[in-house]
Protein backbone atom coordinates (compact mmCIF):
# COMPACT_ATOMS: atom_id res chain seq x y z
CA MET A 1 -12.71 -10.09 11.26
CA ILE A 2 -13.25 -6.37 10.66
CA CYS A 3 -14.25 -3.98 13.41
CA TYR A 4 -17.07 -1.75 12.22
CA THR A 5 -19.49 0.88 13.45
CA ASN A 6 -23.11 0.80 12.34
CA THR A 7 -24.86 3.94 11.10
CA ASN A 8 -28.48 5.10 11.16
CA THR A 9 -28.98 3.58 7.70
CA ALA A 10 -26.59 0.60 7.60
CA LEU A 11 -25.71 -2.44 9.71
CA PHE A 12 -22.44 -4.26 9.08
CA PHE A 13 -21.67 -7.92 9.70
CA SER A 14 -18.46 -9.96 9.39
CA SER A 15 -20.13 -13.33 9.07
CA ILE A 16 -23.39 -14.85 7.89
CA ASP A 17 -23.76 -16.31 11.40
CA GLU A 18 -23.88 -12.79 12.87
CA ILE A 19 -26.95 -11.77 10.89
CA PRO A 20 -30.14 -12.18 12.98
CA SER A 21 -32.77 -14.56 11.60
CA HIS A 22 -35.43 -11.82 11.51
CA ILE A 23 -33.39 -10.01 8.82
CA TRP A 24 -33.49 -13.07 6.55
CA GLU A 25 -37.20 -13.48 7.23
CA THR A 26 -38.19 -9.87 6.58
CA LEU A 27 -35.77 -9.06 3.77
CA ILE A 28 -34.74 -12.10 1.77
CA HIS A 29 -37.32 -14.79 1.12
CA THR A 30 -34.69 -17.28 -0.14
CA GLU A 31 -36.31 -17.87 -3.58
CA ASN A 32 -33.01 -16.62 -5.01
CA ILE A 33 -30.41 -19.21 -4.02
CA TYR A 34 -27.57 -16.67 -4.25
CA PHE A 35 -28.99 -14.80 -1.25
CA HIS A 36 -29.79 -17.94 0.73
CA PRO A 37 -27.71 -17.96 3.95
CA ASN A 38 -26.57 -21.54 3.22
CA PHE A 39 -25.18 -20.53 -0.17
CA LEU A 40 -23.37 -17.51 1.24
CA LYS A 41 -22.10 -19.54 4.19
CA SER A 42 -20.62 -22.20 1.89
CA LEU A 43 -18.58 -19.52 0.07
CA GLU A 44 -17.46 -17.95 3.35
CA LYS A 45 -16.48 -21.27 4.93
CA ASN A 46 -14.41 -22.52 2.00
CA HIS A 47 -12.52 -19.35 1.03
CA PRO A 48 -10.48 -18.23 4.06
CA GLU A 49 -8.24 -16.10 1.81
CA ILE A 50 -11.21 -13.77 1.17
CA THR A 51 -12.52 -11.34 3.80
CA PHE A 52 -16.32 -11.54 3.76
CA SER A 53 -18.63 -8.83 5.08
CA TYR A 54 -22.30 -7.98 4.64
CA ILE A 55 -24.25 -4.73 4.63
CA VAL A 56 -27.91 -4.52 5.60
CA LEU A 57 -29.50 -1.17 4.80
CA VAL A 58 -32.35 -0.08 7.08
CA ASN A 59 -35.01 2.64 7.01
CA ASN A 60 -35.82 5.19 9.72
CA LYS A 61 -37.83 2.52 11.56
CA ASN A 62 -34.81 0.20 11.53
CA LYS A 63 -36.54 -2.16 9.07
CA PRO A 64 -34.25 -3.84 6.49
CA THR A 65 -34.52 -2.44 2.96
CA ALA A 66 -31.55 -4.02 1.18
CA PHE A 67 -28.71 -6.49 1.54
CA ALA A 68 -25.25 -6.44 -0.05
CA SER A 69 -22.45 -8.97 -0.06
CA ILE A 70 -18.93 -7.55 0.31
CA LYS A 71 -15.65 -9.35 -0.35
CA ILE A 72 -12.11 -8.06 0.06
CA ILE A 73 -9.59 -9.89 -2.12
CA ASP A 74 -5.97 -9.66 -3.16
CA PHE A 75 -6.34 -9.35 -6.92
CA GLN A 76 -3.29 -10.76 -8.67
CA LEU A 77 -2.59 -8.38 -11.55
CA ASN A 78 -0.44 -11.01 -13.25
CA SER A 79 -3.63 -13.03 -13.78
CA ILE A 80 -4.77 -10.47 -16.39
CA LYS A 81 -4.05 -11.92 -19.83
CA ASN A 82 -4.64 -11.49 -23.55
CA ASP A 83 -6.32 -8.24 -24.64
CA LEU A 84 -6.21 -6.70 -21.14
CA GLU A 85 -2.46 -7.16 -20.57
CA PHE A 86 -1.62 -3.73 -21.99
CA LEU A 87 -3.78 -2.14 -19.26
CA ARG A 88 -1.86 -3.92 -16.55
CA LYS A 89 1.51 -2.89 -17.98
CA ILE A 90 0.62 0.76 -18.54
CA GLY A 91 -1.20 0.91 -15.21
CA ARG A 92 1.90 -0.20 -13.37
CA LYS A 93 4.09 2.31 -15.24
CA LEU A 94 1.75 5.12 -14.21
CA HIS A 95 1.50 3.68 -10.67
CA VAL A 96 -2.27 3.30 -10.89
CA PHE A 97 -1.70 -0.33 -9.90
CA PRO A 98 0.86 -1.55 -7.34
CA ASP A 99 4.25 -2.54 -8.79
CA LYS A 100 4.80 -5.80 -6.95
CA LYS A 101 2.06 -6.50 -4.46
CA PRO A 102 -1.51 -7.49 -5.43
CA LEU A 103 -4.31 -4.95 -5.72
CA LYS A 104 -6.39 -4.91 -2.54
CA LEU A 105 -9.88 -4.82 -3.99
CA LEU A 106 -13.23 -4.42 -2.23
CA ILE A 107 -15.96 -6.07 -4.30
CA CYS A 108 -19.69 -5.67 -3.88
CA GLY A 109 -21.12 -8.64 -5.72
CA ASN A 110 -20.61 -12.35 -6.17
CA THR A 111 -17.06 -13.02 -7.38
CA PHE A 112 -17.95 -16.57 -8.45
CA VAL A 113 -21.15 -15.97 -10.43
CA SER A 114 -22.03 -13.64 -13.32
CA GLY A 115 -25.13 -11.49 -12.88
CA GLU A 116 -27.01 -9.34 -10.41
CA HIS A 117 -26.34 -11.48 -7.35
CA GLY A 118 -24.57 -9.05 -5.04
CA VAL A 119 -27.30 -6.61 -4.01
CA PHE A 120 -30.84 -7.55 -2.98
CA ILE A 121 -33.37 -4.71 -2.75
CA ASN A 122 -36.66 -5.22 -0.96
CA GLU A 123 -39.94 -4.52 -2.73
CA ASN A 124 -41.40 -1.00 -2.67
CA GLN A 125 -37.99 0.65 -2.32
CA SER A 126 -36.51 3.40 -4.47
CA LYS A 127 -33.68 1.54 -6.18
CA LYS A 128 -31.81 4.75 -6.98
CA ALA A 129 -31.94 5.78 -3.33
CA ILE A 130 -30.71 2.34 -2.27
CA ILE A 131 -27.75 2.49 -4.67
CA LYS A 132 -26.78 5.89 -3.22
CA GLU A 133 -27.06 4.55 0.34
CA LEU A 134 -24.99 1.53 -0.64
CA ALA A 135 -22.17 3.67 -2.08
CA GLU A 136 -22.17 5.82 1.08
CA SER A 137 -22.24 2.76 3.32
CA ILE A 138 -19.27 1.19 1.53
CA ASN A 139 -17.34 4.45 2.04
CA HIS A 140 -18.24 4.48 5.73
CA PHE A 141 -17.35 0.79 6.11
CA VAL A 142 -13.80 1.45 4.86
CA ASN A 143 -13.17 4.94 6.23
CA SER A 144 -14.31 4.09 9.77
CA ASN A 145 -11.59 1.44 10.04
CA LYS A 146 -8.03 2.83 10.00
CA LYS A 147 -6.42 -0.40 8.85
CA LEU A 148 -8.95 -0.95 6.07
CA LYS A 149 -8.77 2.67 4.94
CA LYS A 150 -5.03 2.27 4.46
CA GLN A 151 -5.22 -1.16 2.79
CA ILE A 152 -7.98 -0.84 0.18
CA ASP A 153 -6.74 0.28 -3.25
CA ALA A 154 -9.95 0.16 -5.27
CA PHE A 155 -13.69 -0.56 -5.18
CA LEU A 156 -15.64 -2.73 -7.64
CA ILE A 157 -19.44 -3.10 -7.79
CA LYS A 158 -20.65 -5.85 -10.18
CA ASP A 159 -22.64 -6.99 -12.41
CA PHE A 160 -25.60 -5.07 -13.81
CA MET A 161 -27.76 -5.72 -16.86
CA ASN A 162 -28.49 -2.93 -19.34
CA GLU A 163 -32.01 -2.40 -18.01
CA SER A 164 -30.54 -1.60 -14.56
CA LEU A 165 -28.07 1.04 -15.73
CA PHE A 166 -30.48 3.98 -15.35
CA ILE A 167 -30.42 3.08 -11.65
CA THR A 168 -26.80 2.04 -11.14
CA ASP A 169 -25.39 4.99 -13.09
CA GLU A 170 -25.99 6.89 -9.82
CA LEU A 171 -22.60 5.40 -8.91
CA LYS A 172 -20.95 7.83 -11.33
CA ASN A 173 -21.78 10.56 -8.79
CA TYR A 174 -19.55 8.66 -6.36
CA LYS A 175 -16.65 8.62 -8.87
CA TYR A 176 -17.20 5.06 -10.06
CA HIS A 177 -16.47 4.35 -13.73
CA PRO A 178 -18.56 1.85 -15.72
CA PHE A 179 -16.95 -0.76 -17.96
CA SER A 180 -17.87 -4.09 -19.54
CA VAL A 181 -15.92 -7.30 -19.93
CA GLU A 182 -17.21 -10.54 -21.45
CA PRO A 183 -21.02 -10.84 -21.70
CA ASN A 184 -23.09 -13.49 -19.98
CA MET A 185 -24.30 -15.95 -22.65
CA VAL A 186 -27.99 -16.80 -22.20
CA LEU A 187 -30.18 -19.39 -23.90
CA GLN A 188 -33.94 -18.92 -23.74
CA ILE A 189 -35.63 -22.33 -23.44
CA ASP A 190 -38.51 -22.48 -25.93
CA GLU A 191 -41.72 -23.78 -24.37
CA ASN A 192 -42.12 -26.09 -27.39
CA TRP A 193 -38.92 -27.94 -26.50
CA LEU A 194 -40.55 -30.74 -24.54
CA ASN A 195 -37.36 -32.79 -24.82
CA PHE A 196 -33.84 -32.54 -26.27
CA ASP A 197 -34.94 -33.98 -29.62
CA ALA A 198 -37.34 -31.05 -29.99
CA TYR A 199 -34.45 -28.66 -29.37
CA LEU A 200 -32.43 -30.39 -32.10
CA ALA A 201 -35.40 -30.28 -34.46
CA ALA A 202 -35.58 -26.49 -34.04
CA MET A 203 -32.03 -26.10 -35.37
CA LYS A 204 -30.87 -25.41 -38.89
CA THR A 205 -29.44 -28.50 -40.59
CA LYS A 206 -25.82 -27.32 -40.28
CA PHE A 207 -26.03 -26.93 -36.50
CA ARG A 208 -28.03 -30.12 -36.00
CA VAL A 209 -25.33 -32.03 -37.90
CA LYS A 210 -22.71 -30.40 -35.68
CA ALA A 211 -24.59 -31.52 -32.55
CA LYS A 212 -24.94 -35.09 -33.79
CA LYS A 213 -21.23 -35.16 -34.63
CA ALA A 214 -20.41 -34.04 -31.06
CA PHE A 215 -22.56 -36.85 -29.66
CA ALA A 216 -20.83 -39.35 -31.96
CA GLN A 217 -17.39 -38.12 -30.87
CA SER A 218 -18.37 -38.25 -27.19
CA ILE A 219 -19.97 -41.69 -27.35
CA HIS A 220 -17.27 -43.23 -25.16
CA LEU A 221 -17.78 -40.69 -22.37
CA LYS A 222 -19.49 -42.04 -19.27
CA ILE A 223 -21.39 -39.41 -17.27
CA LYS A 224 -21.79 -39.93 -13.53
CA GLU A 225 -23.78 -38.00 -10.92
CA VAL A 226 -21.64 -36.59 -8.14
CA THR A 227 -23.26 -37.29 -4.77
CA LEU A 228 -22.34 -36.62 -1.16
CA GLN A 229 -21.32 -40.28 -0.99
CA ASN A 230 -18.80 -40.20 -3.86
CA ILE A 231 -17.66 -36.56 -4.02
CA GLU A 232 -14.64 -36.93 -1.72
CA GLU A 233 -12.80 -39.35 -3.99
CA GLN A 234 -13.46 -37.25 -7.10
CA LEU A 235 -12.60 -33.75 -5.82
CA PRO A 236 -8.80 -33.90 -6.30
CA GLU A 237 -9.08 -34.73 -10.01
CA MET A 238 -11.97 -32.28 -10.46
CA THR A 239 -9.85 -29.54 -8.88
CA SER A 240 -6.95 -30.31 -11.22
CA LEU A 241 -9.24 -30.05 -14.27
CA TYR A 242 -10.81 -26.82 -12.96
CA LYS A 243 -7.36 -25.23 -12.64
CA LYS A 244 -6.64 -26.07 -16.27
CA VAL A 245 -9.69 -24.04 -17.26
CA THR A 246 -8.96 -21.04 -15.02
CA SER A 247 -5.35 -20.86 -16.22
CA ASN A 248 -6.76 -19.99 -19.67
CA ALA A 249 -9.05 -17.21 -18.40
CA ALA A 250 -8.18 -13.64 -19.40
CA PHE A 251 -9.71 -12.16 -16.24
CA ASN A 252 -10.40 -13.99 -12.99
CA LEU A 253 -11.41 -12.38 -9.69
CA GLY A 254 -10.54 -15.47 -7.67
CA ASN A 255 -10.27 -19.22 -7.70
CA PHE A 256 -13.21 -21.23 -6.46
CA ASN A 257 -12.50 -23.88 -3.83
CA LEU A 258 -14.31 -27.00 -5.03
CA GLU A 259 -14.63 -28.18 -1.41
CA ALA A 260 -17.63 -25.80 -1.35
CA TYR A 261 -19.46 -28.30 -3.56
CA LYS A 262 -19.99 -30.52 -0.50
CA ASN A 263 -21.93 -27.81 1.34
CA LEU A 264 -23.81 -26.73 -1.78
CA LYS A 265 -24.84 -30.28 -2.62
CA ASP A 266 -25.84 -30.90 1.00
CA SER A 267 -27.92 -27.69 1.17
CA PHE A 268 -29.58 -27.71 -2.25
CA GLY A 269 -29.67 -31.38 -3.27
CA GLU A 270 -31.02 -31.87 -6.79
CA ASN A 271 -31.01 -28.10 -7.35
CA TYR A 272 -27.21 -28.17 -7.32
CA ILE A 273 -25.99 -30.00 -10.43
CA LEU A 274 -22.69 -31.91 -10.35
CA LYS A 275 -21.65 -34.44 -13.00
CA THR A 276 -18.30 -35.94 -13.93
CA TYR A 277 -17.24 -37.16 -17.38
CA TRP A 278 -15.14 -40.32 -17.58
CA LEU A 279 -13.10 -42.09 -20.23
CA GLU A 280 -12.71 -45.62 -18.93
CA ASP A 281 -11.45 -45.13 -15.34
CA LYS A 282 -10.26 -41.52 -15.71
CA ILE A 283 -12.15 -38.27 -15.04
CA VAL A 284 -11.74 -36.01 -18.08
CA GLY A 285 -14.25 -33.29 -17.20
CA PHE A 286 -17.02 -32.10 -14.92
CA ILE A 287 -19.90 -29.63 -14.92
CA SER A 288 -21.57 -27.80 -12.06
CA GLY A 289 -24.66 -25.60 -11.97
CA VAL A 290 -27.50 -24.34 -9.86
CA VAL A 291 -31.25 -24.32 -10.48
CA ASN A 292 -32.22 -20.83 -9.36
CA GLN A 293 -35.93 -20.11 -9.64
CA LYS A 294 -36.70 -20.65 -13.36
CA SER A 295 -33.08 -20.64 -14.54
CA LEU A 296 -30.23 -23.08 -14.75
CA ASP A 297 -26.97 -21.25 -14.14
CA ALA A 298 -23.86 -23.04 -15.35
CA HIS A 299 -21.14 -22.64 -12.75
CA PHE A 300 -17.65 -24.04 -13.09
CA VAL A 301 -16.40 -26.73 -15.43
CA GLY A 302 -13.22 -28.75 -15.67
CA ILE A 303 -11.81 -30.08 -18.95
CA ASP A 304 -8.90 -32.26 -19.98
CA TYR A 305 -7.87 -30.16 -22.98
CA GLN A 306 -5.62 -32.86 -24.42
CA LEU A 307 -8.68 -35.06 -24.94
CA ASN A 308 -11.22 -32.32 -25.55
CA ARG A 309 -11.05 -32.06 -29.34
CA GLU A 310 -11.04 -35.81 -30.00
CA HIS A 311 -13.96 -36.53 -27.67
CA ALA A 312 -15.88 -33.22 -27.97
CA ILE A 313 -15.97 -32.96 -24.18
CA TYR A 314 -16.87 -29.28 -23.88
CA GLN A 315 -19.38 -29.37 -26.73
CA ARG A 316 -21.08 -32.33 -25.07
CA MET A 317 -21.20 -30.44 -21.77
CA LEU A 318 -23.06 -27.55 -23.40
CA TYR A 319 -25.69 -29.90 -24.82
CA ASP A 320 -26.00 -31.66 -21.45
CA TYR A 321 -26.68 -28.34 -19.72
CA ILE A 322 -29.42 -27.70 -22.30
CA GLU A 323 -30.96 -31.13 -21.78
CA ILE A 324 -30.99 -30.62 -18.00
CA ALA A 325 -32.72 -27.23 -18.37
CA ILE A 326 -35.36 -28.70 -20.71
CA ASP A 327 -35.99 -31.75 -18.52
CA LYS A 328 -36.47 -29.52 -15.48
CA GLY A 329 -38.94 -27.27 -17.31
CA LEU A 330 -36.83 -24.12 -16.87
CA LYS A 331 -37.08 -20.90 -18.86
CA THR A 332 -33.47 -19.76 -19.21
CA LEU A 333 -29.99 -21.20 -19.19
CA ASN A 334 -27.19 -18.86 -18.14
CA PHE A 335 -23.92 -20.15 -19.54
CA GLY A 336 -21.85 -17.39 -17.95
CA ARG A 337 -18.87 -15.61 -19.47
CA THR A 338 -16.09 -16.93 -21.75
CA ALA A 339 -16.21 -19.06 -24.91
CA SER A 340 -18.94 -16.82 -26.32
CA GLU A 341 -18.78 -18.06 -29.91
CA ILE A 342 -19.19 -21.77 -29.19
CA LYS A 343 -22.01 -20.96 -26.74
CA SER A 344 -23.73 -18.91 -29.45
CA SER A 345 -23.51 -21.95 -31.76
CA VAL A 346 -25.85 -23.83 -29.39
CA GLY A 347 -28.29 -20.91 -29.30
CA ALA A 348 -27.07 -18.57 -26.56
CA VAL A 349 -27.08 -14.80 -27.06
CA PRO A 350 -24.97 -12.21 -25.23
CA GLN A 351 -26.30 -10.32 -22.24
CA ASP A 352 -24.10 -7.31 -21.48
CA LEU A 353 -23.07 -6.86 -17.86
CA THR A 354 -21.59 -3.63 -16.53
CA MET A 355 -19.22 -3.25 -13.59
CA TYR A 356 -18.29 -0.06 -11.76
CA LEU A 357 -14.75 0.58 -10.54
CA ARG A 358 -13.06 3.42 -8.68
CA HIS A 359 -9.60 3.95 -7.26
CA LYS A 360 -9.48 5.43 -3.77
CA LYS A 361 -7.01 8.15 -4.84
CA THR A 362 -8.50 10.99 -6.89
CA ILE A 363 -5.75 11.46 -9.49
CA LYS A 364 -5.28 7.73 -10.02
CA ASN A 365 -9.05 7.38 -10.35
CA LYS A 366 -9.06 9.93 -13.18
CA ILE A 367 -6.32 8.00 -14.98
CA LEU A 368 -8.26 4.78 -14.34
CA LYS A 369 -11.27 6.24 -16.17
CA LEU A 370 -9.14 6.63 -19.32
CA PHE A 371 -8.02 3.00 -19.01
CA LEU A 372 -11.52 1.64 -18.61
CA GLN A 373 -12.74 3.46 -21.70
CA ARG A 374 -10.43 1.14 -23.67
CA VAL A 375 -11.71 -2.06 -22.07
CA GLN A 376 -14.06 -3.79 -24.48
CA PRO A 377 -15.53 -7.29 -24.57
CA THR A 378 -13.65 -9.62 -26.91
CA PRO A 379 -15.46 -9.52 -30.29
CA PHE A 380 -16.85 -12.81 -31.55
CA GLN A 381 -18.98 -14.04 -34.43
CA GLN A 382 -22.53 -14.55 -33.20
CA LYS A 383 -24.08 -17.74 -34.58
CA PHE A 384 -27.79 -18.13 -35.30
CA PRO A 385 -28.48 -21.88 -35.12
CA PHE A 386 -32.29 -21.90 -35.07
CA LYS A 387 -34.75 -21.92 -37.95
CA LYS A 388 -36.80 -18.77 -38.22
C-alpha cells in the first residue's frame, strides 16, 4: 500500500474498497464495464504483483470530475521481441533502460485491455483541463512519496484513439512523447447481418470459401461454455494455453491471471464470455470476451499451436466471436491487438491507438523521444473481404 497525500484537486486511493460509494454514484454510472468497481476489483484481487492505485479528480466544490486507474509494474525488458528488440538493446547501452533489473513503470490505463479504458471524464468537463490535472496529479502522487519517487523509472499513459489526440497531446507539455504500437482491429457489425449466414453472404467468394474451409477443418472441435460450476477444473489447461500465446507476443505489459475469470464470470454472468475448444477429451483452445455497452471486446485466447493449422482453431475462434456479436445484436467487435492480417481477412479494420511515455530523468527522456520516433506498428496487408 502506498502512503499518499490528497490535494485540492485530487484524491488518491490504494484500493477499490477505499473509494466511497458516493464517488461511484456521482461519477461513474457503470454502463462501461471497465470502470465498474467489480471489474477493477477482480484485477486488483488476482494480480498481487501489481501495485494498484486510483485517482479521483475533484472540482472546487469537492465534486468528482474524473477517475483514473493507476498501476505500477515491473516491466521485463527481455519480454520485448521482434522489431522492438533493437530499442531494448540500444536503450540499455545508453542507460535509458536499466541494465539488469526490470523497468519500474507507472501506467495510467488498463494493462489488460486495448482502448480508452484508463481515464473516465464526467460530462460537462473540459477534457483538456482534466488531462492537465491528471498529469499534475500523477507527478504529485509520485513526488510526495520518497520511496516511490526513487523507484519509478518511467510513466506511461495509454491508449487513445486518433479523435482524442487534440486533447491528449496536452501531455507533450508535461514531457510525454507519443508513440503507436499495434492497432486495435475493429469489425463493424452491419445491421443487415441478422445471423452468421448473412455475414457470410456479404463476403466476396474467395473469403466465403476460406470461412467454409475453416469450419470444415474445425468440424471435430467441441465448444463448451465455461461456467462457475466447471471453471476450476479447466483453468490449469487454459492457463497453459494462454502462456503459449503470450510467449509469442512482441510487447506485453503483464501476464493476466486467469483466476480473475471466476470473479468476472460471477459479476457479469452472460456479459462475460468464456468458451473452451476441445478435441476429444483435451482442451486445445479457449476464448474470453466482455459485452461492454454495444460492443463485444475479445479478451484473451489460448491456442494449442501444434494443432492450430490442422484444425483451424484460431480462425474458428474469430468466426465464433463474430457470431456471438451478431446474435447479441451488438454494433462493434473489438478484436484487440496482434494478428492484424488474419483479423482483417474476417472484416476488421485497424484503429490506431496512441500511448504517451516519459522517463523521469530529463536527459534520458530526450534520448527516449528519439527512440520512440522509430517505433512503428508492424506493417501488414489489409484484406477487404466484403462485397462493395
